[in-house]
Amino acid sequence: PEHVSAASLASLAAERLERGEELPPP
């Protein structure tokens, strides 16, 4: 895609959280 979508951010974050990964601080 040309620009990012929040749908992709959410899906990626959900995958990482499901695996127990720690996401970066905001």
PDB file of all heavy atoms in Angstrom:
ATOM      1  N   PRO A   1       0.815  -1.207   0.000  1.00  0.00           N
ATOM      2  CA  PRO A   1       0.000   0.000   0.000  1.00  0.00           C
ATOM      3  C   PRO A   1       0.853   1.263   0.000  1.00  0.00           C
ATOM      4  O   PRO A   1       2.056   1.226   0.280  1.00  0.00           O
ATOM      5  CB  PRO A   1      -0.772  -0.114   1.314  1.00  0.00           C
ATOM      6  CG  PRO A   1       0.200  -0.802   2.224  1.00  0.00           C
ATOM      7  CD  PRO A   1       0.945  -1.787   1.357  1.00  0.00           C
ATOM      8  N   GLU A   2       0.209   2.384  -0.300  1.00  0.00           N
ATOM      9  CA  GLU A   2       0.903   3.667  -0.291  1.00  0.00           C
ATOM     10  C   GLU A   2       1.037   4.219   1.123  1.00  0.00           C
ATOM     11  O   GLU A   2       2.067   4.763   1.497  1.00  0.00           O
ATOM     12  CB  GLU A   2       0.135   4.660  -1.163  1.00  0.00           C
ATOM     13  CG  GLU A   2       0.801   6.012  -1.314  1.00  0.00           C
ATOM     14  CD  GLU A   2       0.068   6.907  -2.287  1.00  0.00           C
ATOM     15  OE1 GLU A   2      -0.816   6.410  -3.016  1.00  0.00           O
ATOM     16  OE2 GLU A   2       0.372   8.112  -2.325  1.00  0.00           O
ATOM     17  N   HIS A   3      -0.031   4.073   1.924  1.00  0.00           N
ATOM     18  CA  HIS A   3      -0.040   4.575   3.300  1.00  0.00           C
ATOM     19  C   HIS A   3      -0.362   3.450   4.275  1.00  0.00           C
ATOM     20  O   HIS A   3      -0.983   2.446   3.913  1.00  0.00           O
ATOM     21  CB  HIS A   3      -1.073   5.697   3.454  1.00  0.00           C
ATOM     22  CG  HIS A   3      -0.808   6.882   2.590  1.00  0.00           C
ATOM     23  ND1 HIS A   3       0.297   7.695   2.758  1.00  0.00           N
ATOM     24  CD2 HIS A   3      -1.512   7.404   1.548  1.00  0.00           C
ATOM     25  CE1 HIS A   3       0.262   8.658   1.856  1.00  0.00           C
ATOM     26  NE2 HIS A   3      -0.809   8.499   1.111  1.00  0.00           N
ATOM     27  N   VAL A   4       0.015   3.659   5.519  1.00  0.00           N
ATOM     28  CA  VAL A   4      -0.270   2.667   6.558  1.00  0.00           C
ATOM     29  C   VAL A   4      -1.758   2.670   6.880  1.00  0.00           C
ATOM     30  O   VAL A   4      -2.451   3.675   6.684  1.00  0.00           O
ATOM     31  CB  VAL A   4       0.555   2.991   7.832  1.00  0.00           C
ATOM     32  CG1 VAL A   4       0.027   4.245   8.524  1.00  0.00           C
ATOM     33  CG2 VAL A   4       0.586   1.810   8.791  1.00  0.00           C
ATOM     34  N   SER A   5      -2.257   1.539   7.362  1.00  0.00           N
ATOM     35  CA  SER A   5      -3.626   1.451   7.848  1.00  0.00           C
ATOM     36  C   SER A   5      -3.613   1.000   9.307  1.00  0.00           C
ATOM     37  O   SER A   5      -2.785   0.172   9.711  1.00  0.00           O
ATOM     38  CB  SER A   5      -4.447   0.461   7.018  1.00  0.00           C
ATOM     39  OG  SER A   5      -4.056  -0.872   7.280  1.00  0.00           O
ATOM     40  N   ALA A   6      -4.528   1.553  10.080  1.00  0.00           N
ATOM     41  CA  ALA A   6      -4.642   1.147  11.481  1.00  0.00           C
ATOM     42  C   ALA A   6      -5.052  -0.315  11.584  1.00  0.00           C
ATOM     43  O   ALA A   6      -4.737  -0.991  12.567  1.00  0.00           O
ATOM     44  CB  ALA A   6      -5.649   2.038  12.201  1.00  0.00           C
ATOM     45  N   ALA A   7      -5.757  -0.821  10.571  1.00  0.00           N
ATOM     46  CA  ALA A   7      -6.127  -2.236  10.560  1.00  0.00           C
ATOM     47  C   ALA A   7      -4.883  -3.125  10.597  1.00  0.00           C
ATOM     48  O   ALA A   7      -4.841  -4.132  11.314  1.00  0.00           O
ATOM     49  CB  ALA A   7      -6.965  -2.543   9.323  1.00  0.00           C
ATOM     50  N   SER A   8      -3.863  -2.744   9.836  1.00  0.00           N
ATOM     51  CA  SER A   8      -2.617  -3.516   9.833  1.00  0.00           C
ATOM     52  C   SER A   8      -1.882  -3.395  11.161  1.00  0.00           C
ATOM     53  O   SER A   8      -1.351  -4.386  11.688  1.00  0.00           O
ATOM     54  CB  SER A   8      -1.709  -3.039   8.698  1.00  0.00           C
ATOM     55  OG  SER A   8      -2.304  -3.287   7.445  1.00  0.00           O
ATOM     56  N   LEU A   9      -1.846  -2.172  11.710  1.00  0.00           N
ATOM     57  CA  LEU A   9      -1.211  -1.979  13.012  1.00  0.00           C
ATOM     58  C   LEU A   9      -1.889  -2.841  14.073  1.00  0.00           C
ATOM     59  O   LEU A   9      -1.228  -3.484  14.895  1.00  0.00           O
ATOM     60  CB  LEU A   9      -1.283  -0.516  13.429  1.00  0.00           C
ATOM     61  CG  LEU A   9      -0.401   0.490  12.696  1.00  0.00           C
ATOM     62  CD1 LEU A   9      -0.698   1.896  13.206  1.00  0.00           C
ATOM     63  CD2 LEU A   9       1.072   0.182  12.899  1.00  0.00           C
ATOM     64  N   ALA A  10      -3.225  -2.837  14.066  1.00  0.00           N
ATOM     65  CA  ALA A  10      -3.969  -3.602  15.064  1.00  0.00           C
ATOM     66  C   ALA A  10      -3.727  -5.095  14.918  1.00  0.00           C
ATOM     67  O   ALA A  10      -3.538  -5.806  15.906  1.00  0.00           O
ATOM     68  CB  ALA A  10      -5.460  -3.287  14.940  1.00  0.00           C
ATOM     69  N   SER A  11      -3.739  -5.583  13.678  1.00  0.00           N
ATOM     70  CA  SER A  11      -3.534  -7.011  13.444  1.00  0.00           C
ATOM     71  C   SER A  11      -2.141  -7.448  13.861  1.00  0.00           C
ATOM     72  O   SER A  11      -1.952  -8.515  14.476  1.00  0.00           O
ATOM     73  CB  SER A  11      -3.762  -7.334  11.965  1.00  0.00           C
ATOM     74  OG  SER A  11      -5.089  -7.067  11.584  1.00  0.00           O
ATOM     75  N   LEU A  12      -1.143  -6.624  13.542  1.00  0.00           N
ATOM     76  CA  LEU A  12       0.230  -6.937  13.930  1.00  0.00           C
ATOM     77  C   LEU A  12       0.384  -6.917  15.443  1.00  0.00           C
ATOM     78  O   LEU A  12       1.005  -7.810  16.035  1.00  0.00           O
ATOM     79  CB  LEU A  12       1.190  -5.939  13.276  1.00  0.00           C
ATOM     80  CG  LEU A  12       2.678  -6.099  13.595  1.00  0.00           C
ATOM     81  CD1 LEU A  12       3.179  -7.485  13.228  1.00  0.00           C
ATOM     82  CD2 LEU A  12       3.492  -5.016  12.873  1.00  0.00           C
ATOM     83  N   ALA A  13      -0.191  -5.907  16.087  1.00  0.00           N
ATOM     84  CA  ALA A  13      -0.117  -5.816  17.547  1.00  0.00           C
ATOM     85  C   ALA A  13      -0.810  -6.999  18.208  1.00  0.00           C
ATOM     86  O   ALA A  13      -0.298  -7.566  19.183  1.00  0.00           O
ATOM     87  CB  ALA A  13      -0.744  -4.506  18.016  1.00  0.00           C
ATOM     88  N   ALA A  14      -1.972  -7.389  17.681  1.00  0.00           N
ATOM     89  CA  ALA A  14      -2.694  -8.522  18.257  1.00  0.00           C
ATOM     90  C   ALA A  14      -1.877  -9.804  18.162  1.00  0.00           C
ATOM     91  O   ALA A  14      -1.848 -10.605  19.109  1.00  0.00           O
ATOM     92  CB  ALA A  14      -4.033  -8.692  17.539  1.00  0.00           C
ATOM     93  N   GLU A  15      -1.210 -10.010  17.035  1.00  0.00           N
ATOM     94  CA  GLU A  15      -0.342 -11.191  16.881  1.00  0.00           C
ATOM     95  C   GLU A  15       0.775 -11.192  17.921  1.00  0.00           C
ATOM     96  O   GLU A  15       1.048 -12.209  18.569  1.00  0.00           O
ATOM     97  CB  GLU A  15       0.288 -11.206  15.486  1.00  0.00           C
ATOM     98  CG  GLU A  15      -0.610 -11.701  14.384  1.00  0.00           C
ATOM     99  CD  GLU A  15       0.170 -11.915  13.091  1.00  0.00           C
ATOM    100  OE1 GLU A  15       1.418 -11.889  13.128  1.00  0.00           O
ATOM    101  OE2 GLU A  15      -0.481 -12.101  12.045  1.00  0.00           O
ATOM    102  N   ARG A  16       1.421 -10.040  18.068  1.00  0.00           N
ATOM    103  CA  ARG A  16       2.554  -9.952  18.999  1.00  0.00           C
ATOM    104  C   ARG A  16       2.094 -10.129  20.442  1.00  0.00           C
ATOM    105  O   ARG A  16       2.767 -10.788  21.247  1.00  0.00           O
ATOM    106  CB  ARG A  16       3.275  -8.620  18.805  1.00  0.00           C
ATOM    107  CG  ARG A  16       4.018  -8.533  17.471  1.00  0.00           C
ATOM    108  CD  ARG A  16       4.625  -7.159  17.238  1.00  0.00           C
ATOM    109  NE  ARG A  16       5.473  -7.161  16.046  1.00  0.00           N
ATOM    110  CZ  ARG A  16       6.038  -6.061  15.546  1.00  0.00           C
ATOM    111  NH1 ARG A  16       5.857  -4.878  16.127  1.00  0.00           N
ATOM    112  NH2 ARG A  16       6.813  -6.154  14.465  1.00  0.00           N
ATOM    113  N   LEU A  17       0.967  -9.539  20.791  1.00  0.00           N
ATOM    114  CA  LEU A  17       0.448  -9.685  22.150  1.00  0.00           C
ATOM    115  C   LEU A  17       0.048 -11.128  22.423  1.00  0.00           C
ATOM    116  O   LEU A  17       0.248 -11.642  23.530  1.00  0.00           O
ATOM    117  CB  LEU A  17      -0.738  -8.745  22.357  1.00  0.00           C
ATOM    118  CG  LEU A  17      -0.401  -7.248  22.406  1.00  0.00           C
ATOM    119  CD1 LEU A  17      -1.682  -6.423  22.377  1.00  0.00           C
ATOM    120  CD2 LEU A  17       0.421  -6.912  23.644  1.00  0.00           C
ATOM    121  N   GLU A  18      -0.532 -11.791  21.426  1.00  0.00           N
ATOM    122  CA  GLU A  18      -0.927 -13.189  21.578  1.00  0.00           C
ATOM    123  C   GLU A  18       0.280 -14.075  21.851  1.00  0.00           C
ATOM    124  O   GLU A  18       0.188 -15.071  22.595  1.00  0.00           O
ATOM    125  CB  GLU A  18      -1.651 -13.662  20.317  1.00  0.00           C
ATOM    126  CG  GLU A  18      -2.150 -15.093  20.364  1.00  0.00           C
ATOM    127  CD  GLU A  18      -3.278 -15.298  21.363  1.00  0.00           C
ATOM    128  OE1 GLU A  18      -3.948 -14.299  21.721  1.00  0.00           O
ATOM    129  OE2 GLU A  18      -3.458 -16.451  21.800  1.00  0.00           O
ATOM    130  N   ARG A  19       1.430 -13.717  21.265  1.00  0.00           N
ATOM    131  CA  ARG A  19       2.665 -14.479  21.492  1.00  0.00           C
ATOM    132  C   ARG A  19       3.357 -14.084  22.794  1.00  0.00           C
ATOM    133  O   ARG A  19       4.411 -14.630  23.124  1.00  0.00           O
ATOM    134  CB  ARG A  19       3.631 -14.280  20.324  1.00  0.00           C
ATOM    135  CG  ARG A  19       3.163 -14.890  19.016  1.00  0.00           C
ATOM    136  CD  ARG A  19       4.313 -14.995  18.026  1.00  0.00           C
ATOM    137  NE  ARG A  19       4.839 -13.690  17.663  1.00  0.00           N
ATOM    138  CZ  ARG A  19       4.463 -12.989  16.598  1.00  0.00           C
ATOM    139  NH1 ARG A  19       3.525 -13.475  15.789  1.00  0.00           N
ATOM    140  NH2 ARG A  19       4.994 -11.814  16.333  1.00  0.00           N
ATOM    141  N   GLY A  20       2.801 -13.113  23.497  1.00  0.00           N
ATOM    142  CA  GLY A  20       3.393 -12.682  24.754  1.00  0.00           C
ATOM    143  C   GLY A  20       4.535 -11.706  24.591  1.00  0.00           C
ATOM    144  O   GLY A  20       5.297 -11.468  25.543  1.00  0.00           O
ATOM    145  N   GLU A  21       4.668 -11.116  23.409  1.00  0.00           N
ATOM    146  CA  GLU A  21       5.740 -10.154  23.176  1.00  0.00           C
ATOM    147  C   GLU A  21       5.417  -8.815  23.837  1.00  0.00           C
ATOM    148  O   GLU A  21       4.251  -8.428  23.974  1.00  0.00           O
ATOM    149  CB  GLU A  21       5.943  -9.936  21.674  1.00  0.00           C
ATOM    150  CG  GLU A  21       6.435 -11.155  20.932  1.00  0.00           C
ATOM    151  CD  GLU A  21       6.675 -10.875  19.466  1.00  0.00           C
ATOM    152  OE1 GLU A  21       6.860  -9.697  19.109  1.00  0.00           O
ATOM    153  OE2 GLU A  21       6.674 -11.837  18.667  1.00  0.00           O
ATOM    154  N   GLU A  22       6.456  -8.120  24.230  1.00  0.00           N
ATOM    155  CA  GLU A  22       6.294  -6.779  24.806  1.00  0.00           C
ATOM    156  C   GLU A  22       6.412  -5.746  23.688  1.00  0.00           C
ATOM    157  O   GLU A  22       7.407  -5.712  22.970  1.00  0.00           O
ATOM    158  CB  GLU A  22       7.365  -6.517  25.867  1.00  0.00           C
ATOM    159  CG  GLU A  22       7.194  -5.192  26.580  1.00  0.00           C
ATOM    160  CD  GLU A  22       8.176  -5.014  27.724  1.00  0.00           C
ATOM    161  OE1 GLU A  22       8.823  -6.008  28.108  1.00  0.00           O
ATOM    162  OE2 GLU A  22       8.301  -3.878  28.224  1.00  0.00           O
ATOM    163  N   LEU A  23       5.402  -4.932  23.516  1.00  0.00           N
ATOM    164  CA  LEU A  23       5.405  -3.918  22.466  1.00  0.00           C
ATOM    165  C   LEU A  23       6.098  -2.651  22.963  1.00  0.00           C
ATOM    166  O   LEU A  23       6.154  -2.394  24.166  1.00  0.00           O
ATOM    167  CB  LEU A  23       3.978  -3.603  22.040  1.00  0.00           C
ATOM    168  CG  LEU A  23       3.184  -4.766  21.447  1.00  0.00           C
ATOM    169  CD1 LEU A  23       1.805  -4.308  21.001  1.00  0.00           C
ATOM    170  CD2 LEU A  23       3.923  -5.391  20.280  1.00  0.00           C
ATOM    171  N   PRO A  24       6.619  -1.836  22.045  1.00  0.00           N
ATOM    172  CA  PRO A  24       7.305  -0.601  22.446  1.00  0.00           C
ATOM    173  C   PRO A  24       6.360   0.348  23.167  1.00  0.00           C
ATOM    174  O   PRO A  24       5.140   0.321  22.954  1.00  0.00           O
ATOM    175  CB  PRO A  24       7.766   0.001  21.115  1.00  0.00           C
ATOM    176  CG  PRO A  24       7.723  -1.122  20.138  1.00  0.00           C
ATOM    177  CD  PRO A  24       6.626  -2.032  20.591  1.00  0.00           C
ATOM    178  N   PRO A  25       6.900   1.211  24.018  1.00  0.00           N
ATOM    179  CA  PRO A  25       6.060   2.230  24.659  1.00  0.00           C
ATOM    180  C   PRO A  25       5.581   3.239  23.616  1.00  0.00           C
ATOM    181  O   PRO A  25       6.189   3.364  22.548  1.00  0.00           O
ATOM    182  CB  PRO A  25       7.004   2.879  25.678  1.00  0.00           C
ATOM    183  CG  PRO A  25       8.369   2.664  25.115  1.00  0.00           C
ATOM    184  CD  PRO A  25       8.313   1.324  24.423  1.00  0.00           C
ATOM    185  N   PRO A  26       4.509   3.958  23.895  1.00  0.00           N
ATOM    186  CA  PRO A  26       3.978   4.926  22.932  1.00  0.00           C
ATOM    187  C   PRO A  26       4.779   6.224  22.926  1.00  0.00           C
ATOM    188  O   PRO A  26       4.284   7.291  23.302  1.00  0.00           O
ATOM    189  CB  PRO A  26       2.545   5.142  23.424  1.00  0.00           C
ATOM    190  CG  PRO A  26       2.628   4.937  24.903  1.00  0.00           C
ATOM    191  CD  PRO A  26       3.645   3.842  25.092  1.00  0.00           C
TER     192      PRO A  26
END
